[in-house]
Structure formats: C-alpha cells, structure tokens
C-alpha atoms as a PDB file:
ATOM      1  CA  MET A   1       0.003  -0.020  -0.046  1.00  0.00           C
ATOM      2  CA  ALA A   2       1.357   3.535  -0.908  1.00  0.00           C
ATOM      3  CA  GLN A   3       2.218   5.785   1.805  1.00  0.00           C
ATOM      4  CA  PRO A   4       1.760   9.580   1.945  1.00  0.00           C
ATOM      5  CA  MET A   5       5.015  11.309   1.001  1.00  0.00           C
ATOM      6  CA  ARG A   6       6.897  13.357   3.684  1.00  0.00           C
ATOM      7  CA  GLY A   7      10.179  14.750   4.530  1.00  0.00           C
ATOM      8  CA  SER A   8      12.265  17.683   5.785  1.00  0.00           C
ATOM      9  CA  GLU A   9      15.686  19.109   5.703  1.00  0.00           C
ATOM     10  CA  SER A  10      17.312  21.926   7.901  1.00  0.00           C
ATOM     11  CA  ILE A  11      19.890  24.425   7.289  1.00  0.00           C
ATOM     12  CA  HIS A  12      21.804  27.260   9.221  1.00  0.00           C
ATOM     13  CA  ILE A  13      21.433  30.732   7.824  1.00  0.00           C
ATOM     14  CA  ASP A  14      23.371  33.588   9.200  1.00  0.00           C
ATOM     15  CA  ALA A  15      20.577  35.919   9.351  1.00  0.00           C
ATOM     16  CA  PRO A  16      17.840  36.745  12.183  1.00  0.00           C
ATOM     17  CA  PRO A  17      14.666  34.734  12.254  1.00  0.00           C
ATOM     18  CA  GLU A  18      12.628  37.777  11.462  1.00  0.00           C
ATOM     19  CA  ALA A  19      14.571  38.479   8.275  1.00  0.00           C
ATOM     20  CA  VAL A  20      14.268  34.848   7.002  1.00  0.00           C
ATOM     21  CA  TRP A  21      10.613  34.714   7.865  1.00  0.00           C
ATOM     22  CA  ASN A  22      10.030  37.824   5.891  1.00  0.00           C
ATOM     23  CA  LEU A  23      11.445  36.117   2.922  1.00  0.00           C
ATOM     24  CA  VAL A  24       9.728  32.600   3.222  1.00  0.00           C
ATOM     25  CA  SER A  25       6.345  34.183   3.884  1.00  0.00           C
ATOM     26  CA  ASP A  26       6.555  36.421   0.886  1.00  0.00           C
ATOM     27  CA  ILE A  27       5.220  33.842  -1.607  1.00  0.00           C
ATOM     28  CA  THR A  28       5.654  36.403  -4.534  1.00  0.00           C
ATOM     29  CA  ARG A  29       9.341  35.644  -4.283  1.00  0.00           C
ATOM     30  CA  MET A  30       9.116  31.772  -4.076  1.00  0.00           C
ATOM     31  CA  GLY A  31      10.274  31.262  -7.606  1.00  0.00           C
ATOM     32  CA  GLU A  32      13.538  32.884  -6.668  1.00  0.00           C
ATOM     33  CA  TRP A  33      14.533  29.761  -4.612  1.00  0.00           C
ATOM     34  CA  SER A  34      12.300  26.878  -5.556  1.00  0.00           C
ATOM     35  CA  PRO A  35      13.215  24.554  -8.380  1.00  0.00           C
ATOM     36  CA  GLU A  36       9.616  23.878  -9.256  1.00  0.00           C
ATOM     37  CA  THR A  37       7.787  27.049  -8.450  1.00  0.00           C
ATOM     38  CA  GLN A  38       7.955  29.589 -11.108  1.00  0.00           C
ATOM     39  CA  THR A  39       5.704  32.315  -9.668  1.00  0.00           C
ATOM     40  CA  ALA A  40       3.272  32.691  -6.926  1.00  0.00           C
ATOM     41  CA  ALA A  41       0.595  35.280  -6.307  1.00  0.00           C
ATOM     42  CA  TRP A  42      -1.881  36.135  -3.584  1.00  0.00           C
ATOM     43  CA  THR A  43      -5.464  35.326  -4.611  1.00  0.00           C
ATOM     44  CA  ARG A  44      -9.241  36.008  -3.554  1.00  0.00           C
ATOM     45  CA  GLY A  45      -8.291  39.492  -1.859  1.00  0.00           C
ATOM     46  CA  SER A  46      -5.374  38.195   0.044  1.00  0.00           C
ATOM     47  CA  SER A  47      -2.304  40.346   0.100  1.00  0.00           C
ATOM     48  CA  GLY A  48       0.026  38.962   2.674  1.00  0.00           C
ATOM     49  CA  PRO A  49       1.041  35.997   4.874  1.00  0.00           C
ATOM     50  CA  ASP A  50      -2.008  35.893   7.187  1.00  0.00           C
ATOM     51  CA  VAL A  51      -3.759  32.770   8.313  1.00  0.00           C
ATOM     52  CA  GLY A  52      -6.487  32.059   6.078  1.00  0.00           C
ATOM     53  CA  ALA A  53      -4.804  33.922   3.100  1.00  0.00           C
ATOM     54  CA  THR A  54      -4.824  32.084  -0.296  1.00  0.00           C
ATOM     55  CA  PHE A  55      -2.355  32.012  -3.198  1.00  0.00           C
ATOM     56  CA  ALA A  56      -1.648  30.179  -6.339  1.00  0.00           C
ATOM     57  CA  GLY A  57       1.738  28.843  -7.388  1.00  0.00           C
ATOM     58  CA  ARG A  58       2.611  28.149 -11.001  1.00  0.00           C
ATOM     59  CA  ASN A  59       4.958  25.145 -11.073  1.00  0.00           C
ATOM     60  CA  GLN A  60       7.032  23.394 -13.638  1.00  0.00           C
ATOM     61  CA  HIS A  61       8.925  20.112 -13.885  1.00  0.00           C
ATOM     62  CA  GLY A  62      10.286  19.431 -17.306  1.00  0.00           C
ATOM     63  CA  TRP A  63       7.492  19.853 -19.793  1.00  0.00           C
ATOM     64  CA  THR A  64       4.703  19.541 -17.160  1.00  0.00           C
ATOM     65  CA  ARG A  65       3.169  22.741 -15.652  1.00  0.00           C
ATOM     66  CA  TRP A  66       0.491  23.026 -13.117  1.00  0.00           C
ATOM     67  CA  THR A  67      -0.964  25.589 -10.582  1.00  0.00           C
ATOM     68  CA  GLY A  68      -1.152  24.773  -6.956  1.00  0.00           C
ATOM     69  CA  ARG A  69      -3.938  26.519  -4.976  1.00  0.00           C
ATOM     70  CA  CYS A  70      -2.855  27.099  -1.323  1.00  0.00           C
ATOM     71  CA  ASP A  71      -4.210  28.136   1.964  1.00  0.00           C
ATOM     72  CA  VAL A  72      -1.905  29.812   4.628  1.00  0.00           C
ATOM     73  CA  THR A  73      -2.280  27.933   7.969  1.00  0.00           C
ATOM     74  CA  VAL A  74       0.329  29.211  10.116  1.00  0.00           C
ATOM     75  CA  ALA A  75       1.810  32.838  10.088  1.00  0.00           C
ATOM     76  CA  GLU A  76       3.950  33.502  13.191  1.00  0.00           C
ATOM     77  CA  PRO A  77       6.483  36.131  12.369  1.00  0.00           C
ATOM     78  CA  GLY A  78      10.139  34.865  13.113  1.00  0.00           C
ATOM     79  CA  ARG A  79       8.785  31.434  14.118  1.00  0.00           C
ATOM     80  CA  LYS A  80       6.808  29.620  11.488  1.00  0.00           C
ATOM     81  CA  PHE A  81       5.060  29.920   8.147  1.00  0.00           C
ATOM     82  CA  ALA A  82       2.931  26.979   6.720  1.00  0.00           C
ATOM     83  CA  PHE A  83       0.367  26.402   4.070  1.00  0.00           C
ATOM     84  CA  VAL A  84      -1.675  23.607   2.597  1.00  0.00           C
ATOM     85  CA  ARG A  85      -1.555  22.916  -1.127  1.00  0.00           C
ATOM     86  CA  ARG A  86      -5.108  21.606  -2.038  1.00  0.00           C
ATOM     87  CA  GLY A  87      -5.351  18.583  -4.251  1.00  0.00           C
ATOM     88  CA  PRO A  88      -6.920  15.161  -4.951  1.00  0.00           C
ATOM     89  CA  ASP A  89      -4.487  13.589  -2.436  1.00  0.00           C
ATOM     90  CA  GLY A  90      -6.155  15.520   0.260  1.00  0.00           C
ATOM     91  CA  GLY A  91      -3.401  18.186  -0.008  1.00  0.00           C
ATOM     92  CA  ALA A  92       0.066  18.635   1.180  1.00  0.00           C
ATOM     93  CA  THR A  93       1.445  20.806   4.105  1.00  0.00           C
ATOM     94  CA  TRP A  94       4.494  22.712   3.459  1.00  0.00           C
ATOM     95  CA  SER A  95       6.083  24.457   6.361  1.00  0.00           C
ATOM     96  CA  TYR A  96       9.123  26.517   7.381  1.00  0.00           C
ATOM     97  CA  SER A  97      10.063  26.592  10.969  1.00  0.00           C
ATOM     98  CA  LEU A  98      12.584  28.989  12.392  1.00  0.00           C
ATOM     99  CA  GLU A  99      14.736  28.699  15.397  1.00  0.00           C
ATOM    100  CA  PRO A 100      17.435  31.068  16.793  1.00  0.00           C
ATOM    101  CA  GLU A 101      20.786  29.272  16.499  1.00  0.00           C
ATOM    102  CA  ASP A 102      24.351  30.573  16.970  1.00  0.00           C
ATOM    103  CA  GLY A 103      23.635  34.181  16.132  1.00  0.00           C
ATOM    104  CA  GLY A 104      21.451  33.177  13.085  1.00  0.00           C
ATOM    105  CA  THR A 105      18.544  30.905  12.205  1.00  0.00           C
ATOM    106  CA  LYS A 106      17.939  27.143  11.858  1.00  0.00           C
ATOM    107  CA  VAL A 107      15.401  26.745   9.133  1.00  0.00           C
ATOM    108  CA  THR A 108      13.451  23.557   8.624  1.00  0.00           C
ATOM    109  CA  GLU A 109      11.443  23.143   5.550  1.00  0.00           C
ATOM    110  CA  ALA A 110       9.126  20.154   5.624  1.00  0.00           C
ATOM    111  CA  PHE A 111       6.289  18.655   3.527  1.00  0.00           C
ATOM    112  CA  SER A 112       3.727  16.099   4.367  1.00  0.00           C
ATOM    113  CA  GLN A 113       0.883  14.716   2.246  1.00  0.00           C
ATOM    114  CA  ALA A 114      -2.382  14.120   3.814  1.00  0.00           C
ATOM    115  CA  ARG A 115      -2.827  10.748   2.179  1.00  0.00           C
ATOM    116  CA  ALA A 116      -1.428   8.788  -0.575  1.00  0.00           C
ATOM    117  CA  PRO A 117      -3.045   9.628  -3.985  1.00  0.00           C
ATOM    118  CA  LEU A 118      -5.307   7.031  -5.577  1.00  0.00           C
ATOM    119  CA  LEU A 119      -3.591   4.558  -8.057  1.00  0.00           C
ATOM    120  CA  PRO A 120      -4.455   6.516 -11.258  1.00  0.00           C
ATOM    121  CA  LEU A 121      -2.891   9.634 -10.057  1.00  0.00           C
ATOM    122  CA  ARG A 122       0.088   7.728  -8.715  1.00  0.00           C
ATOM    123  CA  ILE A 123       0.622   6.277 -12.179  1.00  0.00           C
ATOM    124  CA  VAL A 124       0.344   9.646 -13.730  1.00  0.00           C
ATOM    125  CA  ASN A 125       2.766  10.918 -11.148  1.00  0.00           C
ATOM    126  CA  ARG A 126       5.236   8.346 -11.869  1.00  0.00           C
ATOM    127  CA  MET A 127       5.091   9.053 -15.640  1.00  0.00           C
ATOM    128  CA  VAL A 128       5.730  12.839 -14.977  1.00  0.00           C
ATOM    129  CA  PHE A 129       8.067  12.731 -12.068  1.00  0.00           C
ATOM    130  CA  GLY A 130       9.774   9.302 -12.248  1.00  0.00           C
ATOM    131  CA  PRO A 131       9.913   6.497  -9.868  1.00  0.00           C
ATOM    132  CA  ASN A 132      10.825   8.430  -6.709  1.00  0.00           C
ATOM    133  CA  ARG A 133       8.882  11.762  -6.288  1.00  0.00           C
ATOM    134  CA  GLU A 134       9.665  11.863  -2.556  1.00  0.00           C
ATOM    135  CA  GLN A 135      13.431  11.784  -3.166  1.00  0.00           C
ATOM    136  CA  MET A 136      12.844  14.507  -5.870  1.00  0.00           C
ATOM    137  CA  LEU A 137      10.955  16.807  -3.411  1.00  0.00           C
ATOM    138  CA  LEU A 138      13.816  16.319  -0.733  1.00  0.00           C
ATOM    139  CA  ALA A 139      16.270  17.403  -3.362  1.00  0.00           C
ATOM    140  CA  GLY A 140      14.055  20.316  -4.195  1.00  0.00           C
ATOM    141  CA  VAL A 141      13.863  21.157  -0.459  1.00  0.00           C
ATOM    142  CA  ARG A 142      17.784  21.282  -0.161  1.00  0.00           C
ATOM    143  CA  SER A 143      17.990  23.446  -3.284  1.00  0.00           C
ATOM    144  CA  THR A 144      15.434  25.815  -1.942  1.00  0.00           C
ATOM    145  CA  LEU A 145      17.083  26.055   1.398  1.00  0.00           C
ATOM    146  CA  GLN A 146      20.446  26.816  -0.274  1.00  0.00           C
ATOM    147  CA  GLN A 147      19.091  29.509  -2.316  1.00  0.00           C
ATOM    148  CA  LEU A 148      17.127  31.058   0.627  1.00  0.00           C
ATOM    149  CA  LYS A 149      20.375  30.977   2.505  1.00  0.00           C
ATOM    150  CA  LEU A 150      22.152  32.855  -0.224  1.00  0.00           C
ATOM    151  CA  LYS A 151      19.517  35.411  -0.493  1.00  0.00           C
ATOM    152  CA  ALA A 152      19.169  35.885   3.273  1.00  0.00           C
ATOM    153  CA  GLU A 153      22.905  36.067   3.938  1.00  0.00           C
ATOM    154  CA  THR A 154      23.573  38.618   1.099  1.00  0.00           C
ATOM    155  CA  GLN A 155      20.496  40.918   1.230  1.00  0.00           C
ATOM    156  CA  GLU A 156      20.921  44.330   2.636  1.00  0.00           C
ATOM    157  CA  THR A 157      19.406  45.022   5.920  1.00  0.00           C
ATOM    158  CA  PRO A 158      17.425  48.271   6.391  1.00  0.00           C
ATOM    159  CA  SER A 159      19.195  50.819   8.245  1.00  0.00           C
ATOM    160  CA  SER A 160      17.717  52.103  11.538  1.00  0.00           C
END
C-alpha cells in the first residue's frame, strides 16, 4: 500500500529569524529559490501572509506545468510559516520552522501529504516525475534552502 510522502531538511542561515521569515512568507518571491515554483501570487483578496490567506503557485517540472492552490495555515512572524496545497491527495502541508541558532537561524522546511493519491494519480505522477517523487521533493527542499540561505545572507538589511 502506498504511503503519503513526507520529508524535511534543515539549514543554518546567518540572518535573524525575522529576516528569514520575511523571505519565506513572501510567496511572491518563492520562484527565486524553489526549483519547481516559477511564480506565486496572492488570490481572492489576500495580500500577505496571514492565516486564511490564499495564493496560487505556478509550477513546472520538465514539460509539465500546473497551478497549486494554497491556503496559509500558520503565520507566526520569526517562528513559522505554513500552508496547505489543495489537491486530490487531500493536499500537502508545506512549512518553514525557524529557530534562533548561533547568532542566526536554523530553518527547517518540511512537507507532508495528507494521504497517498489514488492509483490512477500515482501512475500519472510516476510518468511525469519518475519512480521516486519523494526523493525529488527532498532534493528540491535542499535546493530551496540553499537558495534561501544565499539570498538571506547577502541581502541588505534596512538601516535604523
């Protein structure tokens, strides 16, 4: 029996949690660090990272393109940002947890499917993504965290 996909990775970023949170919660910038998300925009009157806000992300893998419809479920500045991508598999929760660490921030990105997709969708997913989508997602998480680290550690901080 197929199991829901889940995984997480962590990285240390030499930037304060508030600065990192401002980056991960600005979904309009997700395409700057995610290998699959090309663009994202707030929808249905939402304009920022608040619980209940909605957004759509345009994604691409190879020749396949799709739009993910998402709902923000956690928006705790400097601590956590999470959203659920709606879908036929019951959706998947994506989260960024932030903890102060050695003068910077430990960032953990995690994903968890609500349930395994039905067989027809698993077959389509295998044709599109290959035999191990979970490992592909974990590689994407590592890439996302590396790009986020680069952006957070090189961005100029506003002067007081």
